[in-house]
Amino acid sequence: MKTIEITLYKFEELSEEVREAVVEKLWDINVEHDWWDFTYEDAERVYLKIGGFDIERGSYVNMDFIHNAEDTAREILKEHGESTETYKLAKKFLEENEELVKDEARYSTLYENSEEDSEEEENYRRYREQAEDDMEELCTEFLAELEGEYLNMLRGEFEFLTSEEAIIETIKVNDYDFTENGEIY
Protein backbone atom coordinates (compact mmCIF):
# COMPACT_ATOMS: atom_id res chain seq x y z
CA MET A 1 0.00 0.00 0.00
CA LYS A 2 1.14 3.47 -0.81
CA THR A 3 -0.05 6.81 0.56
CA ILE A 4 0.26 9.87 -1.62
CA GLU A 5 -0.07 13.28 -0.11
CA ILE A 6 -1.21 16.14 -2.39
CA THR A 7 -1.24 19.79 -1.48
CA LEU A 8 -4.25 21.62 -2.91
CA TYR A 9 -4.65 25.32 -3.47
CA LYS A 10 -7.50 27.75 -3.96
CA PHE A 11 -7.32 29.75 -7.16
CA GLU A 12 -6.05 32.90 -5.46
CA GLU A 13 -3.25 30.90 -3.79
CA LEU A 14 -1.77 29.85 -7.14
CA SER A 15 1.07 31.82 -8.69
CA GLU A 16 0.11 34.51 -11.21
CA GLU A 17 1.55 32.42 -14.04
CA VAL A 18 -0.45 29.32 -13.04
CA ARG A 19 -3.66 31.37 -12.57
CA GLU A 20 -3.28 32.72 -16.12
CA ALA A 21 -2.77 29.17 -17.43
CA VAL A 22 -5.85 27.95 -15.52
CA VAL A 23 -8.02 30.72 -16.99
CA GLU A 24 -6.71 29.96 -20.47
CA LYS A 25 -7.30 26.23 -20.05
CA LEU A 26 -10.84 26.76 -18.69
CA TRP A 27 -11.85 29.32 -21.35
CA ASP A 28 -15.00 27.31 -22.17
CA ILE A 29 -16.07 26.34 -18.64
CA ASN A 30 -19.16 28.57 -18.84
CA VAL A 31 -20.15 27.62 -22.40
CA GLU A 32 -19.86 23.83 -22.26
CA HIS A 33 -23.62 23.54 -21.84
CA ASP A 34 -26.60 25.32 -23.39
CA TRP A 35 -25.43 28.79 -22.36
CA TRP A 36 -27.92 30.37 -24.77
CA ASP A 37 -31.01 29.06 -22.93
CA PHE A 38 -31.70 32.37 -21.17
CA THR A 39 -31.67 34.25 -24.48
CA TYR A 40 -34.01 31.68 -26.03
CA GLU A 41 -36.33 32.00 -23.01
CA ASP A 42 -36.27 35.78 -23.28
CA ALA A 43 -37.24 35.52 -26.95
CA GLU A 44 -40.13 33.17 -26.15
CA ARG A 45 -41.44 35.57 -23.49
CA VAL A 46 -41.89 38.14 -26.24
CA TYR A 47 -43.38 35.62 -28.69
CA LEU A 48 -40.27 34.95 -30.74
CA LYS A 49 -38.95 31.51 -31.60
CA ILE A 50 -35.22 31.16 -32.24
CA GLY A 51 -34.59 28.30 -34.64
CA GLY A 52 -30.81 28.48 -34.56
CA PHE A 53 -27.85 30.82 -34.61
CA ASP A 54 -24.18 31.17 -35.41
CA ILE A 55 -22.23 33.92 -33.65
CA GLU A 56 -19.05 33.19 -35.57
CA ARG A 57 -18.55 33.02 -39.34
CA GLY A 58 -22.19 32.44 -40.24
CA SER A 59 -23.26 35.42 -38.14
CA TYR A 60 -27.01 34.84 -38.08
CA VAL A 61 -30.03 34.17 -35.91
CA ASN A 62 -33.02 32.39 -37.45
CA MET A 63 -36.17 33.64 -35.83
CA ASP A 64 -39.94 33.66 -36.34
CA PHE A 65 -42.88 35.31 -34.67
CA ILE A 66 -44.78 32.83 -32.49
CA HIS A 67 -47.98 34.85 -32.89
CA ASN A 68 -47.47 37.97 -35.02
CA ALA A 69 -45.31 41.07 -35.19
CA GLU A 70 -47.75 43.28 -33.26
CA ASP A 71 -48.01 40.86 -30.32
CA THR A 72 -44.23 40.57 -30.20
CA ALA A 73 -43.78 44.35 -30.25
CA ARG A 74 -46.30 44.82 -27.43
CA GLU A 75 -44.62 42.15 -25.30
CA ILE A 76 -41.20 43.69 -25.88
CA LEU A 77 -42.55 47.01 -24.59
CA LYS A 78 -43.72 45.20 -21.44
CA GLU A 79 -40.69 42.95 -20.91
CA HIS A 80 -37.67 44.94 -22.10
CA GLY A 81 -36.41 48.21 -20.65
CA GLU A 82 -36.87 51.50 -22.48
CA SER A 83 -33.13 51.85 -23.01
CA THR A 84 -32.82 48.57 -24.93
CA GLU A 85 -32.57 48.47 -28.70
CA THR A 86 -35.37 45.89 -28.88
CA TYR A 87 -37.69 48.30 -27.04
CA LYS A 88 -36.81 51.10 -29.48
CA LEU A 89 -37.38 48.81 -32.46
CA ALA A 90 -40.72 47.63 -31.08
CA LYS A 91 -41.89 51.17 -30.42
CA LYS A 92 -40.88 52.28 -33.92
CA PHE A 93 -42.62 49.26 -35.45
CA LEU A 94 -45.87 49.92 -33.58
CA GLU A 95 -45.84 53.59 -34.61
CA GLU A 96 -45.28 52.72 -38.28
CA ASN A 97 -47.86 49.94 -38.08
CA GLU A 98 -50.39 52.35 -36.61
CA GLU A 99 -49.80 54.77 -39.50
CA LEU A 100 -50.44 52.00 -42.03
CA VAL A 101 -53.64 51.01 -40.23
CA LYS A 102 -54.83 54.65 -40.12
CA ASP A 103 -54.09 55.10 -43.82
CA GLU A 104 -56.01 51.95 -44.63
CA ALA A 105 -58.98 53.09 -42.53
CA ARG A 106 -59.02 56.53 -44.23
CA TYR A 107 -58.84 55.02 -47.69
CA SER A 108 -61.44 52.43 -46.81
CA THR A 109 -63.82 55.18 -45.60
CA LEU A 110 -63.28 57.16 -48.81
CA TYR A 111 -64.01 54.08 -50.89
CA GLU A 112 -67.16 53.23 -48.94
CA ASN A 113 -68.46 56.81 -49.33
CA SER A 114 -67.73 57.07 -53.05
CA GLU A 115 -70.11 56.14 -55.78
CA GLU A 116 -69.50 52.66 -56.96
CA ASP A 117 -67.69 52.52 -60.22
CA SER A 118 -65.27 50.00 -61.59
CA GLU A 119 -62.35 52.46 -61.71
CA GLU A 120 -62.70 53.33 -58.02
CA GLU A 121 -63.07 49.66 -57.16
CA GLU A 122 -59.89 48.84 -59.10
CA ASN A 123 -58.02 51.67 -57.35
CA TYR A 124 -59.16 50.35 -53.98
CA ARG A 125 -58.08 46.81 -54.88
CA ARG A 126 -54.63 48.09 -55.91
CA TYR A 127 -54.41 50.13 -52.74
CA ARG A 128 -55.27 47.07 -50.59
CA GLU A 129 -52.60 45.00 -52.35
CA GLN A 130 -50.02 47.74 -51.80
CA ALA A 131 -51.09 48.11 -48.15
CA GLU A 132 -50.67 44.36 -47.62
CA ASP A 133 -47.22 44.49 -49.25
CA ASP A 134 -46.24 47.46 -47.07
CA MET A 135 -47.40 45.65 -43.93
CA GLU A 136 -45.55 42.48 -44.90
CA GLU A 137 -42.39 44.50 -45.59
CA LEU A 138 -42.70 46.29 -42.24
CA CYS A 139 -43.03 42.97 -40.39
CA THR A 140 -40.13 41.42 -42.33
CA GLU A 141 -37.93 44.44 -41.54
CA PHE A 142 -38.90 44.32 -37.86
CA LEU A 143 -38.04 40.62 -37.65
CA ALA A 144 -34.67 41.17 -39.38
CA GLU A 145 -33.85 43.99 -36.96
CA LEU A 146 -34.79 41.78 -34.00
CA GLU A 147 -32.60 38.99 -35.37
CA GLY A 148 -29.71 41.45 -35.45
CA GLU A 149 -30.33 42.49 -31.85
CA TYR A 150 -30.60 38.90 -30.61
CA LEU A 151 -27.38 38.09 -32.48
CA ASN A 152 -25.75 40.96 -30.56
CA MET A 153 -27.20 39.61 -27.29
CA LEU A 154 -25.88 36.11 -27.96
CA ARG A 155 -22.45 37.43 -28.92
CA GLY A 156 -22.33 39.62 -25.83
CA GLU A 157 -23.35 36.73 -23.57
CA PHE A 158 -20.74 34.43 -25.11
CA GLU A 159 -18.03 37.06 -24.81
CA PHE A 160 -18.89 37.67 -21.17
CA LEU A 161 -19.05 33.96 -20.30
CA THR A 162 -15.64 33.38 -21.86
CA SER A 163 -14.08 36.45 -20.24
CA GLU A 164 -11.43 36.16 -17.57
CA GLU A 165 -13.79 37.79 -15.07
CA ALA A 166 -16.57 35.23 -15.63
CA ILE A 167 -14.17 32.27 -15.63
CA ILE A 168 -12.61 33.35 -12.32
CA GLU A 169 -16.07 33.94 -10.84
CA THR A 170 -17.12 30.40 -11.81
CA ILE A 171 -13.95 28.95 -10.29
CA LYS A 172 -14.55 30.79 -7.02
CA VAL A 173 -18.29 30.10 -6.83
CA ASN A 174 -17.66 26.39 -7.36
CA ASP A 175 -14.86 26.43 -4.79
CA TYR A 176 -12.47 24.48 -7.01
CA ASP A 177 -9.22 23.15 -5.60
CA PHE A 178 -6.09 22.98 -7.73
CA THR A 179 -2.76 21.23 -7.69
CA GLU A 180 0.33 23.40 -7.71
CA ASN A 181 0.52 23.22 -11.52
CA GLY A 182 -3.15 24.28 -11.95
CA GLU A 183 -4.96 20.99 -12.46
CA ILE A 184 -8.48 20.89 -10.97
CA TYR A 185 -8.68 18.33 -8.23
C-alpha atoms as a PDB file:
ATOM      1  CA  MET A   1       0.000   0.000   0.000  1.00  0.00           C
ATOM      2  CA  LYS A   2       1.145   3.467  -0.812  1.00  0.00           C
ATOM      3  CA  THR A   3      -0.046   6.814   0.560  1.00  0.00           C
ATOM      4  CA  ILE A   4       0.264   9.873  -1.617  1.00  0.00           C
ATOM      5  CA  GLU A   5      -0.070  13.284  -0.115  1.00  0.00           C
ATOM      6  CA  ILE A   6      -1.207  16.145  -2.385  1.00  0.00           C
ATOM      7  CA  THR A   7      -1.238  19.793  -1.479  1.00  0.00           C
ATOM      8  CA  LEU A   8      -4.247  21.615  -2.909  1.00  0.00           C
ATOM      9  CA  TYR A   9      -4.646  25.320  -3.473  1.00  0.00           C
ATOM     10  CA  LYS A  10      -7.497  27.745  -3.964  1.00  0.00           C
ATOM     11  CA  PHE A  11      -7.319  29.753  -7.163  1.00  0.00           C
ATOM     12  CA  GLU A  12      -6.048  32.900  -5.459  1.00  0.00           C
ATOM     13  CA  GLU A  13      -3.252  30.900  -3.793  1.00  0.00           C
ATOM     14  CA  LEU A  14      -1.772  29.854  -7.143  1.00  0.00           C
ATOM     15  CA  SER A  15       1.068  31.820  -8.687  1.00  0.00           C
ATOM     16  CA  GLU A  16       0.112  34.508 -11.208  1.00  0.00           C
ATOM     17  CA  GLU A  17       1.548  32.418 -14.043  1.00  0.00           C
ATOM     18  CA  VAL A  18      -0.452  29.320 -13.036  1.00  0.00           C
ATOM     19  CA  ARG A  19      -3.663  31.373 -12.574  1.00  0.00           C
ATOM     20  CA  GLU A  20      -3.283  32.716 -16.117  1.00  0.00           C
ATOM     21  CA  ALA A  21      -2.765  29.165 -17.435  1.00  0.00           C
ATOM     22  CA  VAL A  22      -5.846  27.948 -15.522  1.00  0.00           C
ATOM     23  CA  VAL A  23      -8.025  30.716 -16.992  1.00  0.00           C
ATOM     24  CA  GLU A  24      -6.712  29.959 -20.472  1.00  0.00           C
ATOM     25  CA  LYS A  25      -7.305  26.231 -20.053  1.00  0.00           C
ATOM     26  CA  LEU A  26     -10.840  26.755 -18.689  1.00  0.00           C
ATOM     27  CA  TRP A  27     -11.849  29.318 -21.350  1.00  0.00           C
ATOM     28  CA  ASP A  28     -14.996  27.311 -22.173  1.00  0.00           C
ATOM     29  CA  ILE A  29     -16.068  26.338 -18.635  1.00  0.00           C
ATOM     30  CA  ASN A  30     -19.162  28.570 -18.839  1.00  0.00           C
ATOM     31  CA  VAL A  31     -20.153  27.621 -22.396  1.00  0.00           C
ATOM     32  CA  GLU A  32     -19.865  23.826 -22.262  1.00  0.00           C
ATOM     33  CA  HIS A  33     -23.618  23.535 -21.836  1.00  0.00           C
ATOM     34  CA  ASP A  34     -26.595  25.319 -23.392  1.00  0.00           C
ATOM     35  CA  TRP A  35     -25.426  28.787 -22.365  1.00  0.00           C
ATOM     36  CA  TRP A  36     -27.923  30.374 -24.768  1.00  0.00           C
ATOM     37  CA  ASP A  37     -31.011  29.060 -22.928  1.00  0.00           C
ATOM     38  CA  PHE A  38     -31.703  32.372 -21.168  1.00  0.00           C
ATOM     39  CA  THR A  39     -31.668  34.245 -24.483  1.00  0.00           C
ATOM     40  CA  TYR A  40     -34.015  31.680 -26.029  1.00  0.00           C
ATOM     41  CA  GLU A  41     -36.325  31.996 -23.012  1.00  0.00           C
ATOM     42  CA  ASP A  42     -36.275  35.781 -23.280  1.00  0.00           C
ATOM     43  CA  ALA A  43     -37.239  35.520 -26.947  1.00  0.00           C
ATOM     44  CA  GLU A  44     -40.126  33.167 -26.146  1.00  0.00           C
ATOM     45  CA  ARG A  45     -41.435  35.568 -23.488  1.00  0.00           C
ATOM     46  CA  VAL A  46     -41.890  38.144 -26.239  1.00  0.00           C
ATOM     47  CA  TYR A  47     -43.382  35.621 -28.686  1.00  0.00           C
ATOM     48  CA  LEU A  48     -40.269  34.953 -30.741  1.00  0.00           C
ATOM     49  CA  LYS A  49     -38.946  31.508 -31.600  1.00  0.00           C
ATOM     50  CA  ILE A  50     -35.220  31.162 -32.245  1.00  0.00           C
ATOM     51  CA  GLY A  51     -34.593  28.297 -34.638  1.00  0.00           C
ATOM     52  CA  GLY A  52     -30.811  28.482 -34.560  1.00  0.00           C
ATOM     53  CA  PHE A  53     -27.846  30.823 -34.608  1.00  0.00           C
ATOM     54  CA  ASP A  54     -24.178  31.173 -35.407  1.00  0.00           C
ATOM     55  CA  ILE A  55     -22.228  33.925 -33.647  1.00  0.00           C
ATOM     56  CA  GLU A  56     -19.049  33.190 -35.569  1.00  0.00           C
ATOM     57  CA  ARG A  57     -18.548  33.020 -39.343  1.00  0.00           C
ATOM     58  CA  GLY A  58     -22.191  32.439 -40.238  1.00  0.00           C
ATOM     59  CA  SER A  59     -23.256  35.418 -38.137  1.00  0.00           C
ATOM     60  CA  TYR A  60     -27.007  34.843 -38.078  1.00  0.00           C
ATOM     61  CA  VAL A  61     -30.028  34.172 -35.908  1.00  0.00           C
ATOM     62  CA  ASN A  62     -33.025  32.392 -37.452  1.00  0.00           C
ATOM     63  CA  MET A  63     -36.169  33.636 -35.828  1.00  0.00           C
ATOM     64  CA  ASP A  64     -39.941  33.657 -36.341  1.00  0.00           C
ATOM     65  CA  PHE A  65     -42.879  35.306 -34.668  1.00  0.00           C
ATOM     66  CA  ILE A  66     -44.781  32.826 -32.493  1.00  0.00           C
ATOM     67  CA  HIS A  67     -47.976  34.855 -32.895  1.00  0.00           C
ATOM     68  CA  ASN A  68     -47.472  37.965 -35.024  1.00  0.00           C
ATOM     69  CA  ALA A  69     -45.313  41.074 -35.189  1.00  0.00           C
ATOM     70  CA  GLU A  70     -47.753  43.282 -33.256  1.00  0.00           C
ATOM     71  CA  ASP A  71     -48.005  40.864 -30.321  1.00  0.00           C
ATOM     72  CA  THR A  72     -44.226  40.573 -30.200  1.00  0.00           C
ATOM     73  CA  ALA A  73     -43.776  44.353 -30.249  1.00  0.00           C
ATOM     74  CA  ARG A  74     -46.296  44.823 -27.426  1.00  0.00           C
ATOM     75  CA  GLU A  75     -44.621  42.148 -25.302  1.00  0.00           C
ATOM     76  CA  ILE A  76     -41.203  43.685 -25.877  1.00  0.00           C
ATOM     77  CA  LEU A  77     -42.551  47.013 -24.594  1.00  0.00           C
ATOM     78  CA  LYS A  78     -43.723  45.196 -21.442  1.00  0.00           C
ATOM     79  CA  GLU A  79     -40.693  42.950 -20.906  1.00  0.00           C
ATOM     80  CA  HIS A  80     -37.670  44.943 -22.099  1.00  0.00           C
ATOM     81  CA  GLY A  81     -36.412  48.205 -20.654  1.00  0.00           C
ATOM     82  CA  GLU A  82     -36.875  51.499 -22.482  1.00  0.00           C
ATOM     83  CA  SER A  83     -33.130  51.854 -23.011  1.00  0.00           C
ATOM     84  CA  THR A  84     -32.817  48.568 -24.933  1.00  0.00           C
ATOM     85  CA  GLU A  85     -32.574  48.471 -28.704  1.00  0.00           C
ATOM     86  CA  THR A  86     -35.367  45.892 -28.876  1.00  0.00           C
ATOM     87  CA  TYR A  87     -37.689  48.302 -27.044  1.00  0.00           C
ATOM     88  CA  LYS A  88     -36.813  51.102 -29.476  1.00  0.00           C
ATOM     89  CA  LEU A  89     -37.377  48.812 -32.462  1.00  0.00           C
ATOM     90  CA  ALA A  90     -40.725  47.629 -31.082  1.00  0.00           C
ATOM     91  CA  LYS A  91     -41.893  51.168 -30.418  1.00  0.00           C
ATOM     92  CA  LYS A  92     -40.876  52.282 -33.920  1.00  0.00           C
ATOM     93  CA  PHE A  93     -42.619  49.257 -35.449  1.00  0.00           C
ATOM     94  CA  LEU A  94     -45.874  49.920 -33.575  1.00  0.00           C
ATOM     95  CA  GLU A  95     -45.841  53.594 -34.611  1.00  0.00           C
ATOM     96  CA  GLU A  96     -45.277  52.722 -38.276  1.00  0.00           C
ATOM     97  CA  ASN A  97     -47.857  49.944 -38.083  1.00  0.00           C
ATOM     98  CA  GLU A  98     -50.386  52.352 -36.610  1.00  0.00           C
ATOM     99  CA  GLU A  99     -49.803  54.768 -39.501  1.00  0.00           C
ATOM    100  CA  LEU A 100     -50.437  51.999 -42.033  1.00  0.00           C
ATOM    101  CA  VAL A 101     -53.639  51.006 -40.230  1.00  0.00           C
ATOM    102  CA  LYS A 102     -54.833  54.649 -40.119  1.00  0.00           C
ATOM    103  CA  ASP A 103     -54.091  55.097 -43.818  1.00  0.00           C
ATOM    104  CA  GLU A 104     -56.013  51.951 -44.632  1.00  0.00           C
ATOM    105  CA  ALA A 105     -58.977  53.095 -42.534  1.00  0.00           C
ATOM    106  CA  ARG A 106     -59.020  56.532 -44.229  1.00  0.00           C
ATOM    107  CA  TYR A 107     -58.837  55.022 -47.694  1.00  0.00           C
ATOM    108  CA  SER A 108     -61.445  52.433 -46.813  1.00  0.00           C
ATOM    109  CA  THR A 109     -63.816  55.177 -45.595  1.00  0.00           C
ATOM    110  CA  LEU A 110     -63.281  57.164 -48.808  1.00  0.00           C
ATOM    111  CA  TYR A 111     -64.007  54.083 -50.885  1.00  0.00           C
ATOM    112  CA  GLU A 112     -67.163  53.235 -48.935  1.00  0.00           C
ATOM    113  CA  ASN A 113     -68.457  56.811 -49.328  1.00  0.00           C
ATOM    114  CA  SER A 114     -67.728  57.069 -53.045  1.00  0.00           C
ATOM    115  CA  GLU A 115     -70.111  56.143 -55.777  1.00  0.00           C
ATOM    116  CA  GLU A 116     -69.503  52.662 -56.959  1.00  0.00           C
ATOM    117  CA  ASP A 117     -67.690  52.524 -60.222  1.00  0.00           C
ATOM    118  CA  SER A 118     -65.266  50.002 -61.588  1.00  0.00           C
ATOM    119  CA  GLU A 119     -62.346  52.464 -61.715  1.00  0.00           C
ATOM    120  CA  GLU A 120     -62.700  53.334 -58.021  1.00  0.00           C
ATOM    121  CA  GLU A 121     -63.066  49.660 -57.162  1.00  0.00           C
ATOM    122  CA  GLU A 122     -59.890  48.844 -59.104  1.00  0.00           C
ATOM    123  CA  ASN A 123     -58.022  51.674 -57.346  1.00  0.00           C
ATOM    124  CA  TYR A 124     -59.158  50.349 -53.982  1.00  0.00           C
ATOM    125  CA  ARG A 125     -58.085  46.805 -54.883  1.00  0.00           C
ATOM    126  CA  ARG A 126     -54.629  48.089 -55.909  1.00  0.00           C
ATOM    127  CA  TYR A 127     -54.407  50.126 -52.737  1.00  0.00           C
ATOM    128  CA  ARG A 128     -55.269  47.074 -50.594  1.00  0.00           C
ATOM    129  CA  GLU A 129     -52.602  44.998 -52.345  1.00  0.00           C
ATOM    130  CA  GLN A 130     -50.019  47.738 -51.801  1.00  0.00           C
ATOM    131  CA  ALA A 131     -51.085  48.110 -48.151  1.00  0.00           C
ATOM    132  CA  GLU A 132     -50.669  44.357 -47.617  1.00  0.00           C
ATOM    133  CA  ASP A 133     -47.221  44.486 -49.251  1.00  0.00           C
ATOM    134  CA  ASP A 134     -46.242  47.460 -47.073  1.00  0.00           C
ATOM    135  CA  MET A 135     -47.397  45.647 -43.933  1.00  0.00           C
ATOM    136  CA  GLU A 136     -45.545  42.476 -44.901  1.00  0.00           C
ATOM    137  CA  GLU A 137     -42.389  44.503 -45.595  1.00  0.00           C
ATOM    138  CA  LEU A 138     -42.699  46.293 -42.238  1.00  0.00           C
ATOM    139  CA  CYS A 139     -43.033  42.966 -40.390  1.00  0.00           C
ATOM    140  CA  THR A 140     -40.125  41.423 -42.331  1.00  0.00           C
ATOM    141  CA  GLU A 141     -37.930  44.439 -41.541  1.00  0.00           C
ATOM    142  CA  PHE A 142     -38.902  44.320 -37.860  1.00  0.00           C
ATOM    143  CA  LEU A 143     -38.035  40.618 -37.645  1.00  0.00           C
ATOM    144  CA  ALA A 144     -34.673  41.171 -39.383  1.00  0.00           C
ATOM    145  CA  GLU A 145     -33.847  43.989 -36.962  1.00  0.00           C
ATOM    146  CA  LEU A 146     -34.785  41.781 -33.996  1.00  0.00           C
ATOM    147  CA  GLU A 147     -32.600  38.985 -35.371  1.00  0.00           C
ATOM    148  CA  GLY A 148     -29.713  41.446 -35.450  1.00  0.00           C
ATOM    149  CA  GLU A 149     -30.334  42.495 -31.851  1.00  0.00           C
ATOM    150  CA  TYR A 150     -30.604  38.901 -30.611  1.00  0.00           C
ATOM    151  CA  LEU A 151     -27.383  38.091 -32.477  1.00  0.00           C
ATOM    152  CA  ASN A 152     -25.750  40.956 -30.561  1.00  0.00           C
ATOM    153  CA  MET A 153     -27.201  39.613 -27.293  1.00  0.00           C
ATOM    154  CA  LEU A 154     -25.883  36.113 -27.965  1.00  0.00           C
ATOM    155  CA  ARG A 155     -22.446  37.425 -28.920  1.00  0.00           C
ATOM    156  CA  GLY A 156     -22.335  39.616 -25.826  1.00  0.00           C
ATOM    157  CA  GLU A 157     -23.351  36.734 -23.573  1.00  0.00           C
ATOM    158  CA  PHE A 158     -20.736  34.426 -25.114  1.00  0.00           C
ATOM    159  CA  GLU A 159     -18.028  37.065 -24.810  1.00  0.00           C
ATOM    160  CA  PHE A 160     -18.888  37.667 -21.172  1.00  0.00           C
ATOM    161  CA  LEU A 161     -19.055  33.962 -20.300  1.00  0.00           C
ATOM    162  CA  THR A 162     -15.636  33.376 -21.858  1.00  0.00           C
ATOM    163  CA  SER A 163     -14.085  36.454 -20.245  1.00  0.00           C
ATOM    164  CA  GLU A 164     -11.426  36.160 -17.569  1.00  0.00           C
ATOM    165  CA  GLU A 165     -13.791  37.795 -15.071  1.00  0.00           C
ATOM    166  CA  ALA A 166     -16.570  35.229 -15.629  1.00  0.00           C
ATOM    167  CA  ILE A 167     -14.171  32.269 -15.627  1.00  0.00           C
ATOM    168  CA  ILE A 168     -12.614  33.347 -12.324  1.00  0.00           C
ATOM    169  CA  GLU A 169     -16.070  33.937 -10.841  1.00  0.00           C
ATOM    170  CA  THR A 170     -17.120  30.399 -11.813  1.00  0.00           C
ATOM    171  CA  ILE A 171     -13.945  28.952 -10.294  1.00  0.00           C
ATOM    172  CA  LYS A 172     -14.552  30.787  -7.021  1.00  0.00           C
ATOM    173  CA  VAL A 173     -18.287  30.103  -6.833  1.00  0.00           C
ATOM    174  CA  ASN A 174     -17.660  26.388  -7.360  1.00  0.00           C
ATOM    175  CA  ASP A 175     -14.859  26.430  -4.787  1.00  0.00           C
ATOM    176  CA  TYR A 176     -12.474  24.481  -7.009  1.00  0.00           C
ATOM    177  CA  ASP A 177      -9.216  23.155  -5.600  1.00  0.00           C
ATOM    178  CA  PHE A 178      -6.087  22.977  -7.728  1.00  0.00           C
ATOM    179  CA  THR A 179      -2.765  21.226  -7.685  1.00  0.00           C
ATOM    180  CA  GLU A 180       0.325  23.401  -7.707  1.00  0.00           C
ATOM    181  CA  ASN A 181       0.518  23.219 -11.521  1.00  0.00           C
ATOM    182  CA  GLY A 182      -3.145  24.279 -11.954  1.00  0.00           C
ATOM    183  CA  GLU A 183      -4.960  20.992 -12.461  1.00  0.00           C
ATOM    184  CA  ILE A 184      -8.476  20.890 -10.970  1.00  0.00           C
ATOM    185  CA  TYR A 185      -8.677  18.326  -8.227  1.00  0.00           C
END
